[in-house]
C-alpha atoms as a PDB file:
ATOM      1  CA  MET A   1     100.764  48.597  83.929  1.00  0.00           C
ATOM      2  CA  ALA A   2     103.255  49.703  86.593  1.00  0.00           C
ATOM      3  CA  ALA A   3     102.014  52.192  89.161  1.00  0.00           C
ATOM      4  CA  PRO A   4     103.533  55.699  89.021  1.00  0.00           C
ATOM      5  CA  PRO A   5     106.258  56.522  91.591  1.00  0.00           C
ATOM      6  CA  GLY A   6     104.840  57.206  95.040  1.00  0.00           C
ATOM      7  CA  GLU A   7     101.765  55.028  94.597  1.00  0.00           C
ATOM      8  CA  PRO A   8     100.167  53.804  96.743  1.00  0.00           C
ATOM      9  CA  ARG A   9     100.236  56.972  98.857  1.00  0.00           C
ATOM     10  CA  ARG A  10     101.664  55.220 101.915  1.00  0.00           C
ATOM     11  CA  VAL A  11     104.835  54.497  99.941  1.00  0.00           C
ATOM     12  CA  ALA A  12     105.353  58.213  99.418  1.00  0.00           C
ATOM     13  CA  TYR A  13     105.119  58.784 103.168  1.00  0.00           C
ATOM     14  CA  LEU A  14     107.884  56.217 103.675  1.00  0.00           C
ATOM     15  CA  TYR A  15     110.184  58.413 101.578  1.00  0.00           C
ATOM     16  CA  LEU A  16     109.406  61.343 103.869  1.00  0.00           C
ATOM     17  CA  LEU A  17     109.891  59.368 107.075  1.00  0.00           C
ATOM     18  CA  PRO A  18     113.709  59.799 107.472  1.00  0.00           C
ATOM     19  CA  ALA A  19     113.542  63.578 107.019  1.00  0.00           C
ATOM     20  CA  PHE A  20     110.523  63.839 109.312  1.00  0.00           C
ATOM     21  CA  ALA A  21     112.301  61.746 111.956  1.00  0.00           C
ATOM     22  CA  VAL A  22     115.253  64.154 111.960  1.00  0.00           C
ATOM     23  CA  TYR A  23     112.838  67.122 112.044  1.00  0.00           C
ATOM     24  CA  ALA A  24     110.938  65.604 114.966  1.00  0.00           C
ATOM     25  CA  VAL A  25     114.063  64.785 116.998  1.00  0.00           C
ATOM     26  CA  PHE A  26     115.804  68.120 116.548  1.00  0.00           C
ATOM     27  CA  LEU A  27     112.835  70.519 116.398  1.00  0.00           C
ATOM     28  CA  LEU A  28     109.480  69.112 117.476  1.00  0.00           C
ATOM     29  CA  TYR A  29     110.772  67.292 120.548  1.00  0.00           C
ATOM     30  CA  PRO A  30     112.740  70.312 121.901  1.00  0.00           C
ATOM     31  CA  ILE A  31     109.686  72.539 121.391  1.00  0.00           C
ATOM     32  CA  GLY A  32     107.478  70.021 123.198  1.00  0.00           C
ATOM     33  CA  ARG A  33     110.020  69.747 126.004  1.00  0.00           C
ATOM     34  CA  ALA A  34     110.189  73.541 126.302  1.00  0.00           C
ATOM     35  CA  VAL A  35     106.404  73.694 126.588  1.00  0.00           C
ATOM     36  CA  GLN A  36     106.528  71.078 129.347  1.00  0.00           C
ATOM     37  CA  ILE A  37     109.255  72.923 131.277  1.00  0.00           C
ATOM     38  CA  SER A  38     107.361  76.206 130.941  1.00  0.00           C
ATOM     39  CA  LEU A  39     104.560  74.741 133.070  1.00  0.00           C
ATOM     40  CA  TYR A  40     106.887  74.275 136.050  1.00  0.00           C
ATOM     41  CA  ASP A  41     108.681  76.516 138.514  1.00  0.00           C
ATOM     42  CA  TRP A  42     112.174  75.057 138.076  1.00  0.00           C
ATOM     43  CA  ASP A  43     115.706  76.304 138.650  1.00  0.00           C
ATOM     44  CA  GLY A  44     117.317  73.713 136.375  1.00  0.00           C
ATOM     45  CA  LEU A  45     118.842  71.724 139.265  1.00  0.00           C
ATOM     46  CA  SER A  46     116.331  70.806 141.959  1.00  0.00           C
ATOM     47  CA  LEU A  47     112.935  69.178 141.596  1.00  0.00           C
ATOM     48  CA  GLY A  48     110.491  71.474 139.818  1.00  0.00           C
ATOM     49  CA  THR A  49     107.053  72.339 141.140  1.00  0.00           C
ATOM     50  CA  TRP A  50     103.900  72.604 139.038  1.00  0.00           C
ATOM     51  CA  ALA A  51     103.127  76.201 138.082  1.00  0.00           C
ATOM     52  CA  GLY A  52     100.492  75.731 135.384  1.00  0.00           C
ATOM     53  CA  LEU A  53     100.128  78.856 133.291  1.00  0.00           C
ATOM     54  CA  ASP A  54     101.671  81.144 135.918  1.00  0.00           C
ATOM     55  CA  ASN A  55     104.838  81.650 133.866  1.00  0.00           C
ATOM     56  CA  TYR A  56     102.738  82.764 130.891  1.00  0.00           C
ATOM     57  CA  VAL A  57     100.618  85.058 133.052  1.00  0.00           C
ATOM     58  CA  ALA A  58     103.841  86.620 134.337  1.00  0.00           C
ATOM     59  CA  ILE A  59     104.837  87.550 130.771  1.00  0.00           C
ATOM     60  CA  VAL A  60     101.738  89.716 130.533  1.00  0.00           C
ATOM     61  CA  ALA A  61     101.870  90.982 134.128  1.00  0.00           C
ATOM     62  CA  ASP A  62     105.606  91.690 134.331  1.00  0.00           C
ATOM     63  CA  GLU A  63     106.338  95.173 133.018  1.00  0.00           C
ATOM     64  CA  GLY A  64     109.934  94.264 132.209  1.00  0.00           C
ATOM     65  CA  LEU A  65     108.910  91.300 130.058  1.00  0.00           C
ATOM     66  CA  ARG A  66     106.270  93.352 128.264  1.00  0.00           C
ATOM     67  CA  ALA A  67     108.926  95.960 127.588  1.00  0.00           C
ATOM     68  CA  ALA A  68     111.278  93.277 126.192  1.00  0.00           C
ATOM     69  CA  PHE A  69     108.667  92.175 123.655  1.00  0.00           C
ATOM     70  CA  GLY A  70     107.974  95.818 122.868  1.00  0.00           C
ATOM     71  CA  HIS A  71     111.668  96.396 122.169  1.00  0.00           C
ATOM     72  CA  ALA A  72     111.641  93.420 119.788  1.00  0.00           C
ATOM     73  CA  LEU A  73     108.749  94.983 117.883  1.00  0.00           C
ATOM     74  CA  VAL A  74     110.676  98.266 117.667  1.00  0.00           C
ATOM     75  CA  LEU A  75     113.639  96.369 116.225  1.00  0.00           C
ATOM     76  CA  ILE A  76     111.370  95.090 113.439  1.00  0.00           C
ATOM     77  CA  VAL A  77     111.313  98.669 112.120  1.00  0.00           C
ATOM     78  CA  PHE A  78     115.124  98.691 111.946  1.00  0.00           C
ATOM     79  CA  TYR A  79     115.656  95.077 110.862  1.00  0.00           C
ATOM     80  CA  ALA A  80     112.788  94.746 108.377  1.00  0.00           C
ATOM     81  CA  ALA A  81     111.032  97.995 107.417  1.00  0.00           C
ATOM     82  CA  ALA A  82     114.112 100.206 106.964  1.00  0.00           C
ATOM     83  CA  PRO A  83     116.141  97.608 104.997  1.00  0.00           C
ATOM     84  CA  LEU A  84     113.112  96.970 102.778  1.00  0.00           C
ATOM     85  CA  VAL A  85     112.740 100.650 101.877  1.00  0.00           C
ATOM     86  CA  ILE A  86     116.483 101.114 101.346  1.00  0.00           C
ATOM     87  CA  GLY A  87     116.765  97.807  99.486  1.00  0.00           C
ATOM     88  CA  LEU A  88     113.903  98.647  97.135  1.00  0.00           C
ATOM     89  CA  ALA A  89     115.473 101.995  96.276  1.00  0.00           C
ATOM     90  CA  LEU A  90     118.959 100.542  95.766  1.00  0.00           C
ATOM     91  CA  ALA A  91     117.725  97.553  93.770  1.00  0.00           C
ATOM     92  CA  ALA A  92     115.530  99.700  91.511  1.00  0.00           C
ATOM     93  CA  ILE A  93     118.353 102.144  90.813  1.00  0.00           C
ATOM     94  CA  LEU A  94     120.907  99.416  90.146  1.00  0.00           C
ATOM     95  CA  ASN A  95     118.510  97.414  88.011  1.00  0.00           C
ATOM     96  CA  HIS A  96     117.841 100.364  85.706  1.00  0.00           C
ATOM     97  CA  ALA A  97     121.251 102.009  85.803  1.00  0.00           C
ATOM     98  CA  LYS A  98     123.036  98.915  84.441  1.00  0.00           C
ATOM     99  CA  VAL A  99     126.008  99.670  86.672  1.00  0.00           C
ATOM    100  CA  ARG A 100     129.365  98.186  85.705  1.00  0.00           C
ATOM    101  CA  GLY A 101     130.628  95.597  88.175  1.00  0.00           C
ATOM    102  CA  LEU A 102     127.142  94.836  89.487  1.00  0.00           C
ATOM    103  CA  GLY A 103     128.280  91.398  90.613  1.00  0.00           C
ATOM    104  CA  PHE A 104     131.053  92.958  92.712  1.00  0.00           C
ATOM    105  CA  PHE A 105     128.591  95.438  94.210  1.00  0.00           C
ATOM    106  CA  ARG A 106     126.230  92.605  95.156  1.00  0.00           C
ATOM    107  CA  THR A 107     129.097  90.834  96.893  1.00  0.00           C
ATOM    108  CA  VAL A 108     130.099  93.936  98.846  1.00  0.00           C
ATOM    109  CA  VAL A 109     126.515  94.706  99.881  1.00  0.00           C
ATOM    110  CA  PHE A 110     125.933  91.097 100.945  1.00  0.00           C
ATOM    111  CA  LEU A 111     129.229  90.892 102.848  1.00  0.00           C
ATOM    112  CA  PRO A 112     127.781  91.681 106.325  1.00  0.00           C
ATOM    113  CA  GLN A 113     125.707  88.505 106.077  1.00  0.00           C
ATOM    114  CA  VAL A 114     128.808  86.316 106.036  1.00  0.00           C
ATOM    115  CA  ILE A 115     130.395  88.008 109.059  1.00  0.00           C
ATOM    116  CA  ALA A 116     129.555  86.498 112.452  1.00  0.00           C
ATOM    117  CA  MET A 117     127.189  88.746 114.385  1.00  0.00           C
ATOM    118  CA  VAL A 118     129.528  88.670 117.379  1.00  0.00           C
ATOM    119  CA  VAL A 119     132.252  90.223 115.219  1.00  0.00           C
ATOM    120  CA  VAL A 120     129.781  92.796 113.905  1.00  0.00           C
ATOM    121  CA  ALA A 121     128.690  93.629 117.459  1.00  0.00           C
ATOM    122  CA  VAL A 122     132.269  94.100 118.687  1.00  0.00           C
ATOM    123  CA  ALA A 123     133.051  96.394 115.751  1.00  0.00           C
ATOM    124  CA  TRP A 124     129.951  98.532 116.236  1.00  0.00           C
ATOM    125  CA  ARG A 125     130.477  98.686 119.988  1.00  0.00           C
ATOM    126  CA  ARG A 126     133.762 100.382 119.216  1.00  0.00           C
ATOM    127  CA  VAL A 127     132.062 102.738 116.732  1.00  0.00           C
ATOM    128  CA  TYR A 128     129.534 103.758 119.417  1.00  0.00           C
ATOM    129  CA  ALA A 129     132.097 104.121 122.235  1.00  0.00           C
ATOM    130  CA  PRO A 130     132.462 107.586 123.841  1.00  0.00           C
ATOM    131  CA  ASP A 131     135.877 107.859 122.150  1.00  0.00           C
ATOM    132  CA  GLY A 132     134.746 105.927 119.077  1.00  0.00           C
ATOM    133  CA  SER A 133     134.662 106.888 115.434  1.00  0.00           C
ATOM    134  CA  LEU A 134     131.037 108.122 115.450  1.00  0.00           C
ATOM    135  CA  ASN A 135     131.689 110.745 118.119  1.00  0.00           C
ATOM    136  CA  ALA A 136     135.005 111.606 116.435  1.00  0.00           C
ATOM    137  CA  LEU A 137     133.148 112.245 113.176  1.00  0.00           C
ATOM    138  CA  LEU A 138     130.536 114.395 114.905  1.00  0.00           C
ATOM    139  CA  GLY A 139     133.292 116.356 116.620  1.00  0.00           C
ATOM    140  CA  ALA A 140     135.097 116.901 113.312  1.00  0.00           C
ATOM    141  CA  LEU A 141     131.862 118.284 111.845  1.00  0.00           C
ATOM    142  CA  GLY A 142     131.461 120.698 114.755  1.00  0.00           C
ATOM    143  CA  LEU A 143     128.541 118.762 116.236  1.00  0.00           C
ATOM    144  CA  ASP A 144     130.085 118.136 119.654  1.00  0.00           C
ATOM    145  CA  ALA A 145     126.706 118.720 121.309  1.00  0.00           C
ATOM    146  CA  LEU A 146     125.438 115.503 119.697  1.00  0.00           C
ATOM    147  CA  THR A 147     128.248 113.291 120.984  1.00  0.00           C
ATOM    148  CA  ARG A 148     127.349 110.824 123.718  1.00  0.00           C
ATOM    149  CA  GLY A 149     127.910 107.300 124.929  1.00  0.00           C
ATOM    150  CA  TRP A 150     125.390 105.879 122.498  1.00  0.00           C
ATOM    151  CA  LEU A 151     125.039 102.428 124.029  1.00  0.00           C
ATOM    152  CA  GLY A 152     124.838 103.860 127.537  1.00  0.00           C
ATOM    153  CA  ASP A 153     122.089 106.364 126.749  1.00  0.00           C
ATOM    154  CA  TYR A 154     118.574 105.345 127.821  1.00  0.00           C
ATOM    155  CA  THR A 155     117.021 107.120 124.841  1.00  0.00           C
ATOM    156  CA  PHE A 156     119.437 106.197 122.064  1.00  0.00           C
ATOM    157  CA  ALA A 157     120.682 102.729 123.060  1.00  0.00           C
ATOM    158  CA  LEU A 158     117.850 100.796 121.400  1.00  0.00           C
ATOM    159  CA  PRO A 159     117.912 102.835 118.151  1.00  0.00           C
ATOM    160  CA  ALA A 160     121.705 102.442 118.103  1.00  0.00           C
ATOM    161  CA  VAL A 161     121.324  98.660 118.258  1.00  0.00           C
ATOM    162  CA  GLY A 162     118.614  98.871 115.606  1.00  0.00           C
ATOM    163  CA  VAL A 163     120.860 100.796 113.208  1.00  0.00           C
ATOM    164  CA  VAL A 164     123.321  97.895 113.339  1.00  0.00           C
ATOM    165  CA  GLY A 165     120.440  95.619 112.334  1.00  0.00           C
ATOM    166  CA  THR A 166     119.582  97.918 109.433  1.00  0.00           C
ATOM    167  CA  TRP A 167     123.198  97.866 108.222  1.00  0.00           C
ATOM    168  CA  PHE A 168     123.356  94.086 108.581  1.00  0.00           C
ATOM    169  CA  GLU A 169     120.082  93.236 106.806  1.00  0.00           C
ATOM    170  CA  THR A 170     120.060  95.814 103.991  1.00  0.00           C
ATOM    171  CA  GLY A 171     122.473  93.805 101.841  1.00  0.00           C
ATOM    172  CA  LEU A 172     120.389  90.636 102.070  1.00  0.00           C
ATOM    173  CA  VAL A 173     117.197  92.476 101.126  1.00  0.00           C
ATOM    174  CA  THR A 174     118.884  94.325  98.249  1.00  0.00           C
ATOM    175  CA  VAL A 175     120.294  91.133  96.733  1.00  0.00           C
ATOM    176  CA  LEU A 176     116.940  89.349  97.016  1.00  0.00           C
ATOM    177  CA  LEU A 177     115.112  92.224  95.335  1.00  0.00           C
ATOM    178  CA  LEU A 178     117.753  92.577  92.622  1.00  0.00           C
ATOM    179  CA  ALA A 179     117.296  88.910  91.791  1.00  0.00           C
ATOM    180  CA  GLY A 180     113.554  89.416  91.499  1.00  0.00           C
ATOM    181  CA  MET A 181     113.799  92.581  89.413  1.00  0.00           C
ATOM    182  CA  SER A 182     116.235  90.965  86.983  1.00  0.00           C
ATOM    183  CA  ARG A 183     113.485  88.494  86.009  1.00  0.00           C
ATOM    184  CA  ILE A 184     110.899  91.155  85.107  1.00  0.00           C
ATOM    185  CA  PRO A 185     110.319  91.131  81.314  1.00  0.00           C
ATOM    186  CA  LEU A 186     111.491  94.304  79.586  1.00  0.00           C
ATOM    187  CA  SER A 187     108.257  94.310  77.601  1.00  0.00           C
ATOM    188  CA  LEU A 188     106.360  95.326  80.750  1.00  0.00           C
ATOM    189  CA  TYR A 189     108.511  98.436  81.131  1.00  0.00           C
ATOM    190  CA  GLU A 190     108.179  99.242  77.454  1.00  0.00           C
ATOM    191  CA  ALA A 191     104.403  98.969  77.660  1.00  0.00           C
ATOM    192  CA  ALA A 192     104.378 101.254  80.710  1.00  0.00           C
ATOM    193  CA  ARG A 193     106.453 103.853  78.886  1.00  0.00           C
ATOM    194  CA  LEU A 194     104.124 103.728  75.887  1.00  0.00           C
ATOM    195  CA  ASP A 195     101.297 104.537  78.297  1.00  0.00           C
ATOM    196  CA  GLY A 196     103.228 107.595  79.400  1.00  0.00           C
ATOM    197  CA  ALA A 197     104.427 106.246  82.760  1.00  0.00           C
ATOM    198  CA  GLY A 198     107.336 108.031  84.382  1.00  0.00           C
ATOM    199  CA  ALA A 199     110.000 106.418  86.549  1.00  0.00           C
ATOM    200  CA  VAL A 200     107.950 106.622  89.761  1.00  0.00           C
ATOM    201  CA  ARG A 201     104.737 105.299  88.219  1.00  0.00           C
ATOM    202  CA  GLU A 202     106.723 102.595  86.440  1.00  0.00           C
ATOM    203  CA  PHE A 203     108.157 101.500  89.790  1.00  0.00           C
ATOM    204  CA  PHE A 204     104.761 101.245  91.504  1.00  0.00           C
ATOM    205  CA  ALA A 205     102.896  99.799  88.501  1.00  0.00           C
ATOM    206  CA  VAL A 206     105.475  97.302  87.229  1.00  0.00           C
ATOM    207  CA  THR A 207     108.427  96.747  89.548  1.00  0.00           C
ATOM    208  CA  LEU A 208     106.725  96.596  92.944  1.00  0.00           C
ATOM    209  CA  PRO A 209     103.942  94.139  91.989  1.00  0.00           C
ATOM    210  CA  SER A 210     106.482  91.899  90.246  1.00  0.00           C
ATOM    211  CA  VAL A 211     108.675  91.435  93.334  1.00  0.00           C
ATOM    212  CA  ARG A 212     105.961  90.748  95.909  1.00  0.00           C
ATOM    213  CA  ALA A 213     107.244  87.209  96.411  1.00  0.00           C
ATOM    214  CA  GLU A 214     110.781  88.472  97.060  1.00  0.00           C
ATOM    215  CA  ILE A 215     109.425  91.128  99.425  1.00  0.00           C
ATOM    216  CA  ALA A 216     107.573  88.429 101.382  1.00  0.00           C
ATOM    217  CA  VAL A 217     110.746  86.343 101.660  1.00  0.00           C
ATOM    218  CA  ALA A 218     112.804  89.378 102.709  1.00  0.00           C
ATOM    219  CA  LEU A 219     110.245  90.450 105.326  1.00  0.00           C
ATOM    220  CA  THR A 220     109.967  86.930 106.720  1.00  0.00           C
ATOM    221  CA  LEU A 221     113.731  86.561 107.124  1.00  0.00           C
ATOM    222  CA  THR A 222     114.306  90.016 108.574  1.00  0.00           C
ATOM    223  CA  VAL A 223     111.330  89.926 110.957  1.00  0.00           C
ATOM    224  CA  ILE A 224     112.528  86.591 112.326  1.00  0.00           C
ATOM    225  CA  ALA A 225     116.027  88.039 112.712  1.00  0.00           C
ATOM    226  CA  ALA A 226     114.634  91.028 114.613  1.00  0.00           C
ATOM    227  CA  LEU A 227     112.521  88.961 116.991  1.00  0.00           C
ATOM    228  CA  ARG A 228     115.240  86.453 117.843  1.00  0.00           C
ATOM    229  CA  THR A 229     118.067  88.980 118.242  1.00  0.00           C
ATOM    230  CA  PHE A 230     120.379  87.871 121.036  1.00  0.00           C
ATOM    231  CA  ASP A 231     124.089  88.011 120.220  1.00  0.00           C
ATOM    232  CA  LEU A 232     124.022  91.661 119.144  1.00  0.00           C
ATOM    233  CA  VAL A 233     122.300  92.751 122.365  1.00  0.00           C
ATOM    234  CA  TYR A 234     124.441  90.465 124.523  1.00  0.00           C
ATOM    235  CA  VAL A 235     127.740  91.796 123.189  1.00  0.00           C
ATOM    236  CA  THR A 236     126.839  95.488 122.919  1.00  0.00           C
ATOM    237  CA  THR A 237     124.587  96.304 125.878  1.00  0.00           C
ATOM    238  CA  ARG A 238     123.678  93.180 127.925  1.00  0.00           C
ATOM    239  CA  GLY A 239     120.136  94.538 127.874  1.00  0.00           C
ATOM    240  CA  GLY A 240     121.142  97.886 129.362  1.00  0.00           C
ATOM    241  CA  PRO A 241     121.276 100.585 130.314  1.00  0.00           C
ATOM    242  CA  GLY A 242     118.726  99.347 132.825  1.00  0.00           C
ATOM    243  CA  ASP A 243     116.370  97.252 130.709  1.00  0.00           C
ATOM    244  CA  SER A 244     116.173  99.697 127.809  1.00  0.00           C
ATOM    245  CA  THR A 245     117.540  97.231 125.223  1.00  0.00           C
ATOM    246  CA  SER A 246     116.351  93.973 126.735  1.00  0.00           C
ATOM    247  CA  VAL A 247     114.686  91.636 124.216  1.00  0.00           C
ATOM    248  CA  PRO A 248     112.931  88.264 124.648  1.00  0.00           C
ATOM    249  CA  SER A 249     115.910  86.159 123.544  1.00  0.00           C
ATOM    250  CA  TYR A 250     118.174  87.912 126.024  1.00  0.00           C
ATOM    251  CA  GLU A 251     115.565  87.467 128.760  1.00  0.00           C
ATOM    252  CA  VAL A 252     115.529  83.719 128.040  1.00  0.00           C
ATOM    253  CA  TYR A 253     119.289  83.577 128.584  1.00  0.00           C
ATOM    254  CA  HIS A 254     119.305  85.907 131.591  1.00  0.00           C
ATOM    255  CA  ARG A 255     116.488  84.152 133.429  1.00  0.00           C
ATOM    256  CA  ALA A 256     117.693  80.626 132.702  1.00  0.00           C
ATOM    257  CA  PHE A 257     121.427  81.070 133.392  1.00  0.00           C
ATOM    258  CA  GLY A 258     121.513  84.233 135.483  1.00  0.00           C
ATOM    259  CA  LEU A 259     118.460  83.993 137.730  1.00  0.00           C
ATOM    260  CA  GLY A 260     117.852  80.246 137.648  1.00  0.00           C
ATOM    261  CA  GLN A 261     114.257  80.702 136.469  1.00  0.00           C
ATOM    262  CA  VAL A 262     114.274  77.999 133.813  1.00  0.00           C
ATOM    263  CA  GLY A 263     110.486  77.611 133.734  1.00  0.00           C
ATOM    264  CA  SER A 264     110.001  81.324 133.145  1.00  0.00           C
ATOM    265  CA  ALA A 265     112.725  81.314 130.469  1.00  0.00           C
ATOM    266  CA  ALA A 266     111.020  78.407 128.687  1.00  0.00           C
ATOM    267  CA  ALA A 267     107.679  80.232 128.754  1.00  0.00           C
ATOM    268  CA  ILE A 268     109.281  83.311 127.187  1.00  0.00           C
ATOM    269  CA  GLY A 269     110.892  81.141 124.522  1.00  0.00           C
ATOM    270  CA  VAL A 270     107.623  79.385 123.692  1.00  0.00           C
ATOM    271  CA  THR A 271     105.773  82.711 123.532  1.00  0.00           C
ATOM    272  CA  LEU A 272     108.452  84.151 121.251  1.00  0.00           C
ATOM    273  CA  THR A 273     108.185  81.108 118.980  1.00  0.00           C
ATOM    274  CA  VAL A 274     104.422  81.587 118.710  1.00  0.00           C
ATOM    275  CA  VAL A 275     104.830  85.311 117.959  1.00  0.00           C
ATOM    276  CA  ILE A 276     107.391  84.575 115.222  1.00  0.00           C
ATOM    277  CA  PHE A 277     105.132  81.916 113.697  1.00  0.00           C
ATOM    278  CA  VAL A 278     102.047  84.153 113.710  1.00  0.00           C
ATOM    279  CA  ILE A 279     103.842  87.141 112.157  1.00  0.00           C
ATOM    280  CA  SER A 280     105.612  84.987 109.528  1.00  0.00           C
ATOM    281  CA  PHE A 281     102.362  83.216 108.682  1.00  0.00           C
ATOM    282  CA  GLY A 282     100.575  86.551 108.340  1.00  0.00           C
ATOM    283  CA  ILE A 283     103.256  87.944 106.011  1.00  0.00           C
ATOM    284  CA  ASN A 284     103.103  84.915 103.748  1.00  0.00           C
ATOM    285  CA  ARG A 285      99.294  84.762 103.749  1.00  0.00           C
ATOM    286  CA  PHE A 286      99.147  88.439 102.789  1.00  0.00           C
ATOM    287  CA  ALA A 287     101.683  87.902 100.008  1.00  0.00           C
ATOM    288  CA  ASP A 288      99.824  84.848  98.685  1.00  0.00           C
ATOM    289  CA  ARG A 289      96.521  86.715  98.661  1.00  0.00           C
ATOM    290  CA  ARG A 290      97.970  89.673  96.768  1.00  0.00           C
ATOM    291  CA  THR A 291      99.636  87.459  94.136  1.00  0.00           C
ATOM    292  CA  SER A 292      96.651  85.135  93.610  1.00  0.00           C
END
């Protein structure tokens, strides 16, 4: 009798070899090379000198680098938490309201995702300008005391950048959750109503548990987007004013190409990769445990 496809096991691994080779060349090797460079004090041109773990120690000791990672964690609130809350509310309303033209609405909500972030950043930089549309709107409403140069304000620059992230990611989260909610059997809602559940209890008892997988996917994508934010910060603030909007990805660029500290930049990049992996792994482990 002929053996089933993939037997013996080593034959199955041969099928995986081409894809793994591409993965190794374009992902594993660059990561390994970055780890190697991070152990040296190197300017990218001359001969590097061995630094050991000094570049990693500097990430903890340097107040500016600690602040950059802290800013990235703050952006998670705007990129992940806020879009999730807004997306859940929008998706639940649209799923129950049976709105006409739902497909068109999904397209409009998702539209920011297909626009290059550089274009988004340029547009929002104009919105936040001292003579931009946001201050014009506040002035028209008689709230001139609230007008300011949003991206030049030490207090409001980071939240202003974060709001752009919320606007950008909300559509993605909403569409993902709508897709999940559309697969929930109507019989579950009918059973909840027979038990006397109102709209709020129905949401928490039926809808929310049924879209845990979609929530995990949405959180993973948006958290990664928050932690690796570069183009938005680069175009809008260049990490300023001062270092109030600096994030790890921008520090990698600034140190490697601005200060010539390639070893330090590599160490920041490796650390950021580890942080992204740990947080993403934790989100998915939590989701798997709750659905098992």
